[in-house]
């Protein structure tokens, strides 16, 4: 899961600071999600899935299909 959120961010040429600001948190706090040091709360998963237009299942590694279904 942690590699996926890093890859999604890097694919869009965004920094950890960019994403942290969008989430309303510190860069250090967000960094701990990418490294797996801290688990990602459900509310943050929802925001990330919406931001990247992908499914939470994809972020969690439950599917390799990034497309979000409506």
Protein backbone atom coordinates (compact mmCIF):
# COMPACT_ATOMS: atom_id res chain seq x y z
CA UNK A 1 0.00 0.00 0.00
CA UNK A 2 2.71 2.44 0.96
CA UNK A 3 4.57 2.04 -2.31
CA UNK A 4 1.39 2.75 -4.23
CA UNK A 5 0.75 6.11 -2.63
CA UNK A 6 4.39 7.08 -3.22
CA UNK A 7 4.24 5.94 -6.86
CA UNK A 8 0.98 7.80 -7.49
CA UNK A 9 2.48 10.98 -6.03
CA UNK A 10 5.74 10.67 -7.97
CA UNK A 11 3.92 9.87 -11.24
CA UNK A 12 2.28 13.28 -10.93
CA UNK A 13 5.54 15.05 -10.05
CA UNK A 14 4.19 16.06 -6.65
CA UNK A 15 6.16 16.40 -3.43
CA UNK A 16 5.24 15.02 -0.05
CA UNK A 17 4.69 18.62 0.99
CA UNK A 18 2.15 19.10 -1.83
CA UNK A 19 0.11 16.10 -0.70
CA UNK A 20 0.46 16.94 2.99
CA UNK A 21 -0.88 20.43 2.34
CA UNK A 22 -3.84 19.02 0.41
CA UNK A 23 -4.54 16.68 3.34
CA UNK A 24 -4.11 19.46 5.92
CA UNK A 25 -1.20 17.86 7.71
CA UNK A 26 2.57 18.14 8.06
CA UNK A 27 5.01 16.74 5.52
CA UNK A 28 6.57 14.62 8.27
CA UNK A 29 3.20 13.11 9.14
CA UNK A 30 2.50 12.27 5.52
CA UNK A 31 5.99 10.85 5.07
CA UNK A 32 5.27 8.32 7.80
CA UNK A 33 2.37 6.99 5.72
CA UNK A 34 4.61 6.46 2.70
CA UNK A 35 7.27 4.66 4.74
CA UNK A 36 4.73 2.51 6.56
CA UNK A 37 5.74 3.90 9.93
CA UNK A 38 2.12 4.94 10.57
CA UNK A 39 -1.06 3.30 9.34
CA UNK A 40 -3.20 5.49 7.12
CA UNK A 41 -6.54 6.47 8.71
CA UNK A 42 -9.70 5.77 6.73
CA UNK A 43 -10.43 9.47 6.24
CA UNK A 44 -6.99 9.98 4.66
CA UNK A 45 -7.45 6.91 2.43
CA UNK A 46 -10.72 8.36 1.18
CA UNK A 47 -9.12 11.72 0.43
CA UNK A 48 -6.19 10.09 -1.38
CA UNK A 49 -8.48 7.85 -3.45
CA UNK A 50 -10.56 10.86 -4.49
CA UNK A 51 -7.50 12.97 -5.21
CA UNK A 52 -5.87 10.29 -7.39
CA UNK A 53 -9.23 9.18 -8.83
CA UNK A 54 -8.59 5.59 -7.84
CA UNK A 55 -10.19 3.05 -5.54
CA UNK A 56 -9.32 2.45 -1.93
CA UNK A 57 -8.93 -1.22 -2.87
CA UNK A 58 -6.15 -0.19 -5.24
CA UNK A 59 -4.44 1.89 -2.55
CA UNK A 60 -4.67 -1.07 -0.15
CA UNK A 61 -3.26 -3.51 -2.70
CA UNK A 62 -6.47 -5.53 -2.97
CA UNK A 63 -6.57 -5.03 -6.74
CA UNK A 64 -4.11 -4.08 -9.42
CA UNK A 65 -6.78 -2.14 -11.31
CA UNK A 66 -6.39 1.53 -10.38
CA UNK A 67 -9.70 2.59 -11.92
CA UNK A 68 -12.33 3.81 -9.53
CA UNK A 69 -15.82 2.42 -10.05
CA UNK A 70 -18.91 4.55 -9.65
